[in-house]
Amino acid sequence: MTSIKHQRLESQLQRALSEIIAQDLKNKDMGLVSITAVELTNDLSYLTVFVHFMNSREDKQEANLETLEKKSGAIKAILGKKVSLRKMPELIFKIDTSFAEAEKIEGLLKKVNNE
């Protein structure tokens, strides 16, 4: 169970990352990027960032993820200026697959309703 302080820190990191990706990266090839969730380890050493690339094909999403991973050092440096922490956590980017799964379930439910 995470503490309220831990949850607040995750929320602050998520907001800051959203701003950084939207304003500071300015990579037009990625299109719109949404930070759907973040998970910070209890020892504050790793931050898993779940991203969703809107209006992007599945093959393009992997390329976009690689772009974020390559720029993780710059993102981490900017994040350090926005959020005050003794040690900035390592960033781990993952594609949020919940949207695709939701669409798949919705399609199955429509199919069942039609039958």
PDB file of N, CA and C in Angstrom:
ATOM      1  N   MET A   1       0.841  -1.176   0.000  1.00  0.00           N
ATOM      2  CA  MET A   1       0.000   0.000   0.000  1.00  0.00           C
ATOM      3  C   MET A   1       0.886   1.239   0.000  1.00  0.00           C
ATOM      4  N   THR A   2       0.583   2.149  -0.878  1.00  0.00           N
ATOM      5  CA  THR A   2       1.411   3.346  -0.971  1.00  0.00           C
ATOM      6  C   THR A   2       0.849   4.453  -0.089  1.00  0.00           C
ATOM      7  N   SER A   3       1.751   5.264   0.402  1.00  0.00           N
ATOM      8  CA  SER A   3       1.342   6.358   1.275  1.00  0.00           C
ATOM      9  C   SER A   3       0.803   7.522   0.452  1.00  0.00           C
ATOM     10  N   ILE A   4       0.145   8.428   1.118  1.00  0.00           N
ATOM     11  CA  ILE A   4      -0.393   9.613   0.453  1.00  0.00           C
ATOM     12  C   ILE A   4       0.742  10.463  -0.114  1.00  0.00           C
ATOM     13  N   LYS A   5       1.841  10.554   0.618  1.00  0.00           N
ATOM     14  CA  LYS A   5       2.997  11.329   0.147  1.00  0.00           C
ATOM     15  C   LYS A   5       3.552  10.723  -1.144  1.00  0.00           C
ATOM     16  N   HIS A   6       3.610   9.401  -1.200  1.00  0.00           N
ATOM     17  CA  HIS A   6       4.092   8.696  -2.383  1.00  0.00           C
ATOM     18  C   HIS A   6       3.159   8.948  -3.573  1.00  0.00           C
ATOM     19  N   GLN A   7       1.850   8.893  -3.325  1.00  0.00           N
ATOM     20  CA  GLN A   7       0.869   9.144  -4.386  1.00  0.00           C
ATOM     21  C   GLN A   7       0.954  10.582  -4.890  1.00  0.00           C
ATOM     22  N   ARG A   8       1.148  11.527  -3.976  1.00  0.00           N
ATOM     23  CA  ARG A   8       1.288  12.936  -4.381  1.00  0.00           C
ATOM     24  C   ARG A   8       2.525  13.138  -5.245  1.00  0.00           C
ATOM     25  N   LEU A   9       3.613  12.482  -4.874  1.00  0.00           N
ATOM     26  CA  LEU A   9       4.847  12.587  -5.646  1.00  0.00           C
ATOM     27  C   LEU A   9       4.657  11.990  -7.045  1.00  0.00           C
ATOM     28  N   GLU A  10       3.980  10.849  -7.131  1.00  0.00           N
ATOM     29  CA  GLU A  10       3.690  10.257  -8.440  1.00  0.00           C
ATOM     30  C   GLU A  10       2.854  11.207  -9.296  1.00  0.00           C
ATOM     31  N   SER A  11       1.854  11.823  -8.690  1.00  0.00           N
ATOM     32  CA  SER A  11       0.999  12.762  -9.412  1.00  0.00           C
ATOM     33  C   SER A  11       1.800  13.964  -9.900  1.00  0.00           C
ATOM     34  N   GLN A  12       2.668  14.480  -9.064  1.00  0.00           N
ATOM     35  CA  GLN A  12       3.501  15.624  -9.430  1.00  0.00           C
ATOM     36  C   GLN A  12       4.447  15.250 -10.581  1.00  0.00           C
ATOM     37  N   LEU A  13       5.036  14.066 -10.514  1.00  0.00           N
ATOM     38  CA  LEU A  13       5.932  13.609 -11.574  1.00  0.00           C
ATOM     39  C   LEU A  13       5.172  13.413 -12.889  1.00  0.00           C
ATOM     40  N   GLN A  14       3.953  12.883 -12.803  1.00  0.00           N
ATOM     41  CA  GLN A  14       3.150  12.669 -14.008  1.00  0.00           C
ATOM     42  C   GLN A  14       2.807  13.996 -14.683  1.00  0.00           C
ATOM     43  N   ARG A  15       2.399  14.982 -13.895  1.00  0.00           N
ATOM     44  CA  ARG A  15       2.088  16.302 -14.463  1.00  0.00           C
ATOM     45  C   ARG A  15       3.317  16.930 -15.108  1.00  0.00           C
ATOM     46  N   ALA A  16       4.448  16.856 -14.418  1.00  0.00           N
ATOM     47  CA  ALA A  16       5.681  17.450 -14.945  1.00  0.00           C
ATOM     48  C   ALA A  16       6.117  16.752 -16.233  1.00  0.00           C
ATOM     49  N   LEU A  17       6.022  15.430 -16.272  1.00  0.00           N
ATOM     50  CA  LEU A  17       6.392  14.694 -17.477  1.00  0.00           C
ATOM     51  C   LEU A  17       5.475  15.039 -18.646  1.00  0.00           C
ATOM     52  N   SER A  18       4.191  15.196 -18.367  1.00  0.00           N
ATOM     53  CA  SER A  18       3.250  15.577 -19.427  1.00  0.00           C
ATOM     54  C   SER A  18       3.625  16.926 -20.018  1.00  0.00           C
ATOM     55  N   GLU A  19       3.975  17.877 -19.159  1.00  0.00           N
ATOM     56  CA  GLU A  19       4.393  19.202 -19.630  1.00  0.00           C
ATOM     57  C   GLU A  19       5.674  19.122 -20.449  1.00  0.00           C
ATOM     58  N   ILE A  20       6.624  18.346 -19.979  1.00  0.00           N
ATOM     59  CA  ILE A  20       7.916  18.233 -20.656  1.00  0.00           C
ATOM     60  C   ILE A  20       7.734  17.651 -22.055  1.00  0.00           C
ATOM     61  N   ILE A  21       6.972  16.584 -22.149  1.00  0.00           N
ATOM     62  CA  ILE A  21       6.792  15.927 -23.444  1.00  0.00           C
ATOM     63  C   ILE A  21       5.994  16.813 -24.392  1.00  0.00           C
ATOM     64  N   ALA A  22       5.001  17.511 -23.868  1.00  0.00           N
ATOM     65  CA  ALA A  22       4.173  18.366 -24.723  1.00  0.00           C
ATOM     66  C   ALA A  22       4.899  19.634 -25.168  1.00  0.00           C
ATOM     67  N   GLN A  23       5.688  20.234 -24.274  1.00  0.00           N
ATOM     68  CA  GLN A  23       6.269  21.543 -24.562  1.00  0.00           C
ATOM     69  C   GLN A  23       7.748  21.500 -24.922  1.00  0.00           C
ATOM     70  N   ASP A  24       8.531  20.711 -24.220  1.00  0.00           N
ATOM     71  CA  ASP A  24       9.978  20.776 -24.380  1.00  0.00           C
ATOM     72  C   ASP A  24      10.537  19.851 -25.457  1.00  0.00           C
ATOM     73  N   LEU A  25       9.895  18.711 -25.681  1.00  0.00           N
ATOM     74  CA  LEU A  25      10.432  17.781 -26.680  1.00  0.00           C
ATOM     75  C   LEU A  25      10.165  18.243 -28.098  1.00  0.00           C
ATOM     76  N   LYS A  26       8.940  18.644 -28.367  1.00  0.00           N
ATOM     77  CA  LYS A  26       8.540  19.158 -29.671  1.00  0.00           C
ATOM     78  C   LYS A  26       8.975  18.250 -30.823  1.00  0.00           C
ATOM     79  N   ASN A  27       8.632  16.979 -30.708  1.00  0.00           N
ATOM     80  CA  ASN A  27       8.906  16.033 -31.782  1.00  0.00           C
ATOM     81  C   ASN A  27       7.609  15.804 -32.544  1.00  0.00           C
ATOM     82  N   LYS A  28       7.515  16.382 -33.713  1.00  0.00           N
ATOM     83  CA  LYS A  28       6.280  16.313 -34.499  1.00  0.00           C
ATOM     84  C   LYS A  28       5.999  14.905 -35.019  1.00  0.00           C
ATOM     85  N   ASP A  29       7.028  14.082 -35.132  1.00  0.00           N
ATOM     86  CA  ASP A  29       6.839  12.717 -35.618  1.00  0.00           C
ATOM     87  C   ASP A  29       6.046  11.862 -34.635  1.00  0.00           C
ATOM     88  N   MET A  30       6.138  12.163 -33.342  1.00  0.00           N
ATOM     89  CA  MET A  30       5.436  11.366 -32.338  1.00  0.00           C
ATOM     90  C   MET A  30       3.958  11.698 -32.280  1.00  0.00           C
ATOM     91  N   GLY A  31       3.570  12.876 -32.666  1.00  0.00           N
ATOM     92  CA  GLY A  31       2.174  13.276 -32.561  1.00  0.00           C
ATOM     93  C   GLY A  31       1.805  13.564 -31.116  1.00  0.00           C
ATOM     94  N   LEU A  32       0.562  13.328 -30.785  1.00  0.00           N
ATOM     95  CA  LEU A  32       0.108  13.578 -29.413  1.00  0.00           C
ATOM     96  C   LEU A  32       0.487  12.415 -28.511  1.00  0.00           C
ATOM     97  N   VAL A  33       1.091  12.749 -27.387  1.00  0.00           N
ATOM     98  CA  VAL A  33       1.514  11.739 -26.424  1.00  0.00           C
ATOM     99  C   VAL A  33       0.816  12.025 -25.107  1.00  0.00           C
ATOM    100  N   SER A  34       0.234  10.989 -24.537  1.00  0.00           N
ATOM    101  CA  SER A  34      -0.450  11.130 -23.260  1.00  0.00           C
ATOM    102  C   SER A  34       0.224  10.234 -22.221  1.00  0.00           C
ATOM    103  N   ILE A  35       0.526  10.808 -21.070  1.00  0.00           N
ATOM    104  CA  ILE A  35       1.051  10.026 -19.951  1.00  0.00           C
ATOM    105  C   ILE A  35      -0.168   9.530 -19.190  1.00  0.00           C
ATOM    106  N   THR A  36      -0.455   8.245 -19.292  1.00  0.00           N
ATOM    107  CA  THR A  36      -1.675   7.712 -18.679  1.00  0.00           C
ATOM    108  C   THR A  36      -1.489   7.362 -17.214  1.00  0.00           C
ATOM    109  N   ALA A  37      -0.277   6.966 -16.832  1.00  0.00           N
ATOM    110  CA  ALA A  37      -0.020   6.610 -15.439  1.00  0.00           C
ATOM    111  C   ALA A  37       1.484   6.570 -15.203  1.00  0.00           C
ATOM    112  N   VAL A  38       1.856   6.690 -13.947  1.00  0.00           N
ATOM    113  CA  VAL A  38       3.246   6.502 -13.537  1.00  0.00           C
ATOM    114  C   VAL A  38       3.257   5.638 -12.283  1.00  0.00           C
ATOM    115  N   GLU A  39       4.308   4.841 -12.141  1.00  0.00           N
ATOM    116  CA  GLU A  39       4.484   4.021 -10.944  1.00  0.00           C
ATOM    117  C   GLU A  39       5.901   4.229 -10.433  1.00  0.00           C
ATOM    118  N   LEU A  40       6.006   4.750  -9.237  1.00  0.00           N
ATOM    119  CA  LEU A  40       7.293   5.017  -8.613  1.00  0.00           C
ATOM    120  C   LEU A  40       7.580   3.906  -7.608  1.00  0.00           C
ATOM    121  N   THR A  41       8.786   3.341  -7.678  1.00  0.00           N
ATOM    122  CA  THR A  41       9.133   2.287  -6.726  1.00  0.00           C
ATOM    123  C   THR A  41       9.231   2.878  -5.324  1.00  0.00           C
ATOM    124  N   ASN A  42       9.110   2.024  -4.319  1.00  0.00           N
ATOM    125  CA  ASN A  42       9.126   2.493  -2.925  1.00  0.00           C
ATOM    126  C   ASN A  42      10.442   3.166  -2.546  1.00  0.00           C
ATOM    127  N   ASP A  43      11.542   2.734  -3.159  1.00  0.00           N
ATOM    128  CA  ASP A  43      12.829   3.357  -2.846  1.00  0.00           C
ATOM    129  C   ASP A  43      13.127   4.569  -3.736  1.00  0.00           C
ATOM    130  N   LEU A  44      12.160   4.963  -4.565  1.00  0.00           N
ATOM    131  CA  LEU A  44      12.235   6.143  -5.436  1.00  0.00           C
ATOM    132  C   LEU A  44      13.351   6.057  -6.483  1.00  0.00           C
ATOM    133  N   SER A  45      13.773   4.843  -6.837  1.00  0.00           N
ATOM    134  CA  SER A  45      14.874   4.732  -7.789  1.00  0.00           C
ATOM    135  C   SER A  45      14.418   4.532  -9.229  1.00  0.00           C
ATOM    136  N   TYR A  46      13.199   4.042  -9.441  1.00  0.00           N
ATOM    137  CA  TYR A  46      12.686   3.828 -10.792  1.00  0.00           C
ATOM    138  C   TYR A  46      11.285   4.395 -10.922  1.00  0.00           C
ATOM    139  N   LEU A  47      11.038   5.032 -12.064  1.00  0.00           N
ATOM    140  CA  LEU A  47       9.723   5.570 -12.375  1.00  0.00           C
ATOM    141  C   LEU A  47       9.279   4.962 -13.697  1.00  0.00           C
ATOM    142  N   THR A  48       8.251   4.116 -13.643  1.00  0.00           N
ATOM    143  CA  THR A  48       7.693   3.526 -14.845  1.00  0.00           C
ATOM    144  C   THR A  48       6.633   4.479 -15.373  1.00  0.00           C
ATOM    145  N   VAL A  49       6.784   4.877 -16.627  1.00  0.00           N
ATOM    146  CA  VAL A  49       5.895   5.855 -17.251  1.00  0.00           C
ATOM    147  C   VAL A  49       5.104   5.150 -18.344  1.00  0.00           C
ATOM    148  N   PHE A  50       3.784   5.109 -18.189  1.00  0.00           N
ATOM    149  CA  PHE A  50       2.922   4.488 -19.183  1.00  0.00           C
ATOM    150  C   PHE A  50       2.438   5.568 -20.145  1.00  0.00           C
ATOM    151  N   VAL A  51       2.725   5.365 -21.432  1.00  0.00           N
ATOM    152  CA  VAL A  51       2.398   6.365 -22.442  1.00  0.00           C
ATOM    153  C   VAL A  51       1.414   5.796 -23.461  1.00  0.00           C
ATOM    154  N   HIS A  52       0.612   6.698 -23.999  1.00  0.00           N
ATOM    155  CA  HIS A  52      -0.320   6.344 -25.072  1.00  0.00           C
ATOM    156  C   HIS A  52      -0.092   7.338 -26.199  1.00  0.00           C
ATOM    157  N   PHE A  53       0.207   6.807 -27.382  1.00  0.00           N
ATOM    158  CA  PHE A  53       0.423   7.640 -28.553  1.00  0.00           C
ATOM    159  C   PHE A  53      -0.888   7.706 -29.310  1.00  0.00           C
ATOM    160  N   MET A  54      -1.530   8.862 -29.264  1.00  0.00           N
ATOM    161  CA  MET A  54      -2.833   9.024 -29.891  1.00  0.00           C
ATOM    162  C   MET A  54      -2.674   9.112 -31.405  1.00  0.00           C
ATOM    163  N   ASN A  55      -3.643   8.557 -32.109  1.00  0.00           N
ATOM    164  CA  ASN A  55      -3.669   8.578 -33.576  1.00  0.00           C
ATOM    165  C   ASN A  55      -2.387   8.006 -34.173  1.00  0.00           C
ATOM    166  N   SER A  56      -1.912   6.913 -33.589  1.00  0.00           N
ATOM    167  CA  SER A  56      -0.674   6.320 -34.059  1.00  0.00           C
ATOM    168  C   SER A  56      -0.880   4.828 -34.304  1.00  0.00           C
ATOM    169  N   ARG A  57      -0.359   4.342 -35.434  1.00  0.00           N
ATOM    170  CA  ARG A  57      -0.457   2.916 -35.732  1.00  0.00           C
ATOM    171  C   ARG A  57       0.429   2.134 -34.778  1.00  0.00           C
ATOM    172  N   GLU A  58       0.171   0.841 -34.678  1.00  0.00           N
ATOM    173  CA  GLU A  58       0.900   0.005 -33.730  1.00  0.00           C
ATOM    174  C   GLU A  58       2.389  -0.061 -34.043  1.00  0.00           C
ATOM    175  N   ASP A  59       2.754  -0.149 -35.323  1.00  0.00           N
ATOM    176  CA  ASP A  59       4.167  -0.211 -35.686  1.00  0.00           C
ATOM    177  C   ASP A  59       4.879   1.112 -35.404  1.00  0.00           C
ATOM    178  N   LYS A  60       4.166   2.210 -35.504  1.00  0.00           N
ATOM    179  CA  LYS A  60       4.730   3.535 -35.232  1.00  0.00           C
ATOM    180  C   LYS A  60       4.920   3.754 -33.733  1.00  0.00           C
ATOM    181  N   GLN A  61       4.102   3.086 -32.921  1.00  0.00           N
ATOM    182  CA  GLN A  61       4.194   3.255 -31.467  1.00  0.00           C
ATOM    183  C   GLN A  61       5.533   2.773 -30.932  1.00  0.00           C
ATOM    184  N   GLU A  62       6.046   1.673 -31.471  1.00  0.00           N
ATOM    185  CA  GLU A  62       7.352   1.159 -31.030  1.00  0.00           C
ATOM    186  C   GLU A  62       8.464   2.155 -31.350  1.00  0.00           C
ATOM    187  N   ALA A  63       8.389   2.776 -32.526  1.00  0.00           N
ATOM    188  CA  ALA A  63       9.387   3.780 -32.916  1.00  0.00           C
ATOM    189  C   ALA A  63       9.295   5.001 -32.000  1.00  0.00           C
ATOM    190  N   ASN A  64       8.074   5.393 -31.665  1.00  0.00           N
ATOM    191  CA  ASN A  64       7.881   6.523 -30.755  1.00  0.00           C
ATOM    192  C   ASN A  64       8.429   6.205 -29.368  1.00  0.00           C
ATOM    193  N   LEU A  65       8.227   4.975 -28.919  1.00  0.00           N
ATOM    194  CA  LEU A  65       8.741   4.554 -27.613  1.00  0.00           C
ATOM    195  C   LEU A  65      10.268   4.606 -27.598  1.00  0.00           C
ATOM    196  N   GLU A  66      10.888   4.165 -28.685  1.00  0.00           N
ATOM    197  CA  GLU A  66      12.351   4.226 -28.790  1.00  0.00           C
ATOM    198  C   GLU A  66      12.843   5.662 -28.748  1.00  0.00           C
ATOM    199  N   THR A  67      12.111   6.565 -29.387  1.00  0.00           N
ATOM    200  CA  THR A  67      12.473   7.982 -29.366  1.00  0.00           C
ATOM    201  C   THR A  67      12.448   8.512 -27.940  1.00  0.00           C
ATOM    202  N   LEU A  68      11.405   8.167 -27.188  1.00  0.00           N
ATOM    203  CA  LEU A  68      11.331   8.606 -25.788  1.00  0.00           C
ATOM    204  C   LEU A  68      12.479   8.024 -24.963  1.00  0.00           C
ATOM    205  N   GLU A  69      12.805   6.750 -25.203  1.00  0.00           N
ATOM    206  CA  GLU A  69      13.896   6.123 -24.459  1.00  0.00           C
ATOM    207  C   GLU A  69      15.236   6.787 -24.761  1.00  0.00           C
ATOM    208  N   LYS A  70      15.438   7.170 -26.027  1.00  0.00           N
ATOM    209  CA  LYS A  70      16.683   7.848 -26.405  1.00  0.00           C
ATOM    210  C   LYS A  70      16.788   9.214 -25.740  1.00  0.00           C
ATOM    211  N   LYS A  71      15.644   9.882 -25.566  1.00  0.00           N
ATOM    212  CA  LYS A  71      15.637  11.220 -24.980  1.00  0.00           C
ATOM    213  C   LYS A  71      15.416  11.194 -23.471  1.00  0.00           C
ATOM    214  N   SER A  72      15.474  10.025 -22.859  1.00  0.00           N
ATOM    215  CA  SER A  72      15.180   9.925 -21.429  1.00  0.00           C
ATOM    216  C   SER A  72      16.174  10.722 -20.575  1.00  0.00           C
ATOM    217  N   GLY A  73      17.415  10.829 -21.016  1.00  0.00           N
ATOM    218  CA  GLY A  73      18.396  11.622 -20.270  1.00  0.00           C
ATOM    219  C   GLY A  73      18.015  13.090 -20.230  1.00  0.00           C
ATOM    220  N   ALA A  74      17.626  13.631 -21.378  1.00  0.00           N
ATOM    221  CA  ALA A  74      17.204  15.034 -21.448  1.00  0.00           C
ATOM    222  C   ALA A  74      15.916  15.247 -20.665  1.00  0.00           C
ATOM    223  N   ILE A  75      14.986  14.290 -20.784  1.00  0.00           N
ATOM    224  CA  ILE A  75      13.724  14.389 -20.041  1.00  0.00           C
ATOM    225  C   ILE A  75      13.995  14.383 -18.541  1.00  0.00           C
ATOM    226  N   LYS A  76      14.898  13.506 -18.128  1.00  0.00           N
ATOM    227  CA  LYS A  76      15.249  13.397 -16.705  1.00  0.00           C
ATOM    228  C   LYS A  76      15.894  14.693 -16.197  1.00  0.00           C
ATOM    229  N   ALA A  77      16.717  15.322 -17.017  1.00  0.00           N
ATOM    230  CA  ALA A  77      17.373  16.572 -16.622  1.00  0.00           C
ATOM    231  C   ALA A  77      16.349  17.690 -16.442  1.00  0.00           C
ATOM    232  N   ILE A  78      15.409  17.792 -17.374  1.00  0.00           N
ATOM    233  CA  ILE A  78      14.366  18.821 -17.266  1.00  0.00           C
ATOM    234  C   ILE A  78      13.458  18.522 -16.082  1.00  0.00           C
ATOM    235  N   LEU A  79      13.156  17.250 -15.883  1.00  0.00           N
ATOM    236  CA  LEU A  79      12.308  16.837 -14.762  1.00  0.00           C
ATOM    237  C   LEU A  79      12.957  17.209 -13.432  1.00  0.00           C
ATOM    238  N   GLY A  80      14.277  17.088 -13.360  1.00  0.00           N
ATOM    239  CA  GLY A  80      15.005  17.455 -12.148  1.00  0.00           C
ATOM    240  C   GLY A  80      14.884  18.928 -11.814  1.00  0.00           C
ATOM    241  N   LYS A  81      14.703  19.762 -12.826  1.00  0.00           N
ATOM    242  CA  LYS A  81      14.531  21.191 -12.589  1.00  0.00           C
ATOM    243  C   LYS A  81      13.112  21.529 -12.144  1.00  0.00           C
ATOM    244  N   LYS A  82      12.148  20.689 -12.554  1.00  0.00           N
ATOM    245  CA  LYS A  82      10.742  20.955 -12.220  1.00  0.00           C
ATOM    246  C   LYS A  82      10.315  20.340 -10.888  1.00  0.00           C
ATOM    247  N   VAL A  83      10.898  19.198 -10.547  1.00  0.00           N
ATOM    248  CA  VAL A  83      10.526  18.480  -9.324  1.00  0.00           C
ATOM    249  C   VAL A  83      11.765  18.332  -8.450  1.00  0.00           C
ATOM    250  N   SER A  84      11.642  18.750  -7.221  1.00  0.00           N
ATOM    251  CA  SER A  84      12.783  18.717  -6.317  1.00  0.00           C
ATOM    252  C   SER A  84      12.862  17.367  -5.597  1.00  0.00           C
ATOM    253  N   LEU A  85      13.861  16.582  -5.993  1.00  0.00           N
ATOM    254  CA  LEU A  85      14.138  15.303  -5.342  1.00  0.00           C
ATOM    255  C   LEU A  85      15.640  15.193  -5.116  1.00  0.00           C
ATOM    256  N   ARG A  86      16.015  14.479  -4.079  1.00  0.00           N
ATOM    257  CA  ARG A  86      17.438  14.301  -3.796  1.00  0.00           C
ATOM    258  C   ARG A  86      18.119  13.550  -4.942  1.00  0.00           C
ATOM    259  N   LYS A  87      17.479  12.479  -5.386  1.00  0.00           N
ATOM    260  CA  LYS A  87      17.995  11.692  -6.513  1.00  0.00           C
ATOM    261  C   LYS A  87      16.846  11.448  -7.477  1.00  0.00           C
ATOM    262  N   MET A  88      17.041  11.802  -8.735  1.00  0.00           N
ATOM    263  CA  MET A  88      15.999  11.634  -9.739  1.00  0.00           C
ATOM    264  C   MET A  88      15.930  10.157 -10.134  1.00  0.00           C
ATOM    265  N   PRO A  89      14.726   9.583 -10.179  1.00  0.00           N
ATOM    266  CA  PRO A  89      14.604   8.158 -10.532  1.00  0.00           C
ATOM    267  C   PRO A  89      14.908   7.907 -12.009  1.00  0.00           C
ATOM    268  N   GLU A  90      15.328   6.688 -12.301  1.00  0.00           N
ATOM    269  CA  GLU A  90      15.532   6.268 -13.687  1.00  0.00           C
ATOM    270  C   GLU A  90      14.162   6.131 -14.341  1.00  0.00           C
ATOM    271  N   LEU A  91      14.044   6.562 -15.588  1.00  0.00           N
ATOM    272  CA  LEU A  91      12.766   6.525 -16.294  1.00  0.00           C
ATOM    273  C   LEU A  91      12.666   5.256 -17.137  1.00  0.00           C
ATOM    274  N   ILE A  92      11.546   4.567 -16.996  1.00  0.00           N
ATOM    275  CA  ILE A  92      11.254   3.381 -17.797  1.00  0.00           C
ATOM    276  C   ILE A  92       9.947   3.660 -18.519  1.00  0.00           C
ATOM    277  N   PHE A  93      10.000   3.718 -19.842  1.00  0.00           N
ATOM    278  CA  PHE A  93       8.803   4.012 -20.634  1.00  0.00           C
ATOM    279  C   PHE A  93       8.172   2.712 -21.114  1.00  0.00           C
ATOM    280  N   LYS A  94       6.851   2.630 -20.990  1.00  0.00           N
ATOM    281  CA  LYS A  94       6.090   1.475 -21.478  1.00  0.00           C
ATOM    282  C   LYS A  94       4.842   1.976 -22.184  1.00  0.00           C
ATOM    283  N   ILE A  95       4.441   1.248 -23.220  1.00  0.00           N
ATOM    284  CA  ILE A  95       3.218   1.600 -23.944  1.00  0.00           C
ATOM    285  C   ILE A  95       2.026   1.113 -23.138  1.00  0.00           C
ATOM    286  N   ASP A  96       1.057   1.988 -22.936  1.00  0.00           N
ATOM    287  CA  ASP A  96      -0.166   1.630 -22.223  1.00  0.00           C
ATOM    288  C   ASP A  96      -1.089   0.913 -23.202  1.00  0.00           C
ATOM    289  N   THR A  97      -1.309  -0.352 -22.953  1.00  0.00           N
ATOM    290  CA  THR A  97      -2.122  -1.166 -23.858  1.00  0.00           C
ATOM    291  C   THR A  97      -3.589  -1.218 -23.433  1.00  0.00           C
ATOM    292  N   SER A  98      -3.956  -0.506 -22.398  1.00  0.00           N
ATOM    293  CA  SER A  98      -5.326  -0.586 -21.894  1.00  0.00           C
ATOM    294  C   SER A  98      -6.348  -0.076 -22.907  1.00  0.00           C
ATOM    295  N   PHE A  99      -5.966   0.901 -23.737  1.00  0.00           N
ATOM    296  CA  PHE A  99      -6.895   1.422 -24.745  1.00  0.00           C
ATOM    297  C   PHE A  99      -7.203   0.361 -25.803  1.00  0.00           C
ATOM    298  N   ALA A 100      -6.187  -0.342 -26.262  1.00  0.00           N
ATOM    299  CA  ALA A 100      -6.384  -1.399 -27.259  1.00  0.00           C
ATOM    300  C   ALA A 100      -7.208  -2.540 -26.666  1.00  0.00           C
ATOM    301  N   GLU A 101      -6.933  -2.878 -25.412  1.00  0.00           N
ATOM    302  CA  GLU A 101      -7.694  -3.941 -24.759  1.00  0.00           C
ATOM    303  C   GLU A 101      -9.159  -3.534 -24.571  1.00  0.00           C
ATOM    304  N   ALA A 102      -9.387  -2.283 -24.238  1.00  0.00           N
ATOM    305  CA  ALA A 102     -10.755  -1.791 -24.064  1.00  0.00           C
ATOM    306  C   ALA A 102     -11.519  -1.850 -25.387  1.00  0.00           C
ATOM    307  N   GLU A 103     -10.864  -1.471 -26.484  1.00  0.00           N
ATOM    308  CA  GLU A 103     -11.500  -1.541 -27.797  1.00  0.00           C
ATOM    309  C   GLU A 103     -11.823  -2.983 -28.172  1.00  0.00           C
ATOM    310  N   LYS A 104     -10.919  -3.886 -27.837  1.00  0.00           N
ATOM    311  CA  LYS A 104     -11.129  -5.303 -28.131  1.00  0.00           C
ATOM    312  C   LYS A 104     -12.329  -5.839 -27.345  1.00  0.00           C
ATOM    313  N   ILE A 105     -12.422  -5.515 -26.083  1.00  0.00           N
ATOM    314  CA  ILE A 105     -13.543  -5.954 -25.242  1.00  0.00           C
ATOM    315  C   ILE A 105     -14.848  -5.343 -25.737  1.00  0.00           C
ATOM    316  N   GLU A 106     -14.796  -4.063 -26.104  1.00  0.00           N
ATOM    317  CA  GLU A 106     -15.991  -3.396 -26.618  1.00  0.00           C
ATOM    318  C   GLU A 106     -16.481  -4.071 -27.896  1.00  0.00           C
ATOM    319  N   GLY A 107     -15.564  -4.450 -28.765  1.00  0.00           N
ATOM    320  CA  GLY A 107     -15.927  -5.151 -29.991  1.00  0.00           C
ATOM    321  C   GLY A 107     -16.561  -6.500 -29.697  1.00  0.00           C
ATOM    322  N   LEU A 108     -16.004  -7.213 -28.723  1.00  0.00           N
ATOM    323  CA  LEU A 108     -16.572  -8.504 -28.345  1.00  0.00           C
ATOM    324  C   LEU A 108     -17.966  -8.349 -27.750  1.00  0.00           C
ATOM    325  N   LEU A 109     -18.167  -7.318 -26.942  1.00  0.00           N
ATOM    326  CA  LEU A 109     -19.484  -7.085 -26.351  1.00  0.00           C
ATOM    327  C   LEU A 109     -20.519  -6.729 -27.414  1.00  0.00           C
ATOM    328  N   LYS A 110     -20.126  -5.936 -28.394  1.00  0.00           N
ATOM    329  CA  LYS A 110     -21.032  -5.594 -29.498  1.00  0.00           C
ATOM    330  C   LYS A 110     -21.406  -6.841 -30.287  1.00  0.00           C
ATOM    331  N   LYS A 111     -20.407  -7.703 -30.482  1.00  0.00           N
ATOM    332  CA  LYS A 111     -20.638  -8.946 -31.221  1.00  0.00           C
ATOM    333  C   LYS A 111     -21.638  -9.834 -30.471  1.00  0.00           C
ATOM    334  N   VAL A 112     -21.489  -9.928 -29.158  1.00  0.00           N
ATOM    335  CA  VAL A 112     -22.386 -10.739 -28.335  1.00  0.00           C
ATOM    336  C   VAL A 112     -23.795 -10.140 -28.341  1.00  0.00           C
ATOM    337  N   ASN A 113     -23.899  -8.825 -28.273  1.00  0.00           N
ATOM    338  CA  ASN A 113     -25.211  -8.165 -28.281  1.00  0.00           C
ATOM    339  C   ASN A 113     -25.937  -8.343 -29.613  1.00  0.00           C
ATOM    340  N   ASN A 114     -25.182  -8.383 -30.707  1.00  0.00           N
ATOM    341  CA  ASN A 114     -25.781  -8.544 -32.026  1.00  0.00           C
ATOM    342  C   ASN A 114     -26.294  -9.969 -32.250  1.00  0.00           C
ATOM    343  N   GLU A 115     -25.717 -10.926 -31.545  1.00  0.00           N
ATOM    344  CA  GLU A 115     -26.116 -12.335 -31.724  1.00  0.00           C
ATOM    345  C   GLU A 115     -27.279 -12.679 -30.894  1.00  0.00           C
TER     346      GLU A 115
END
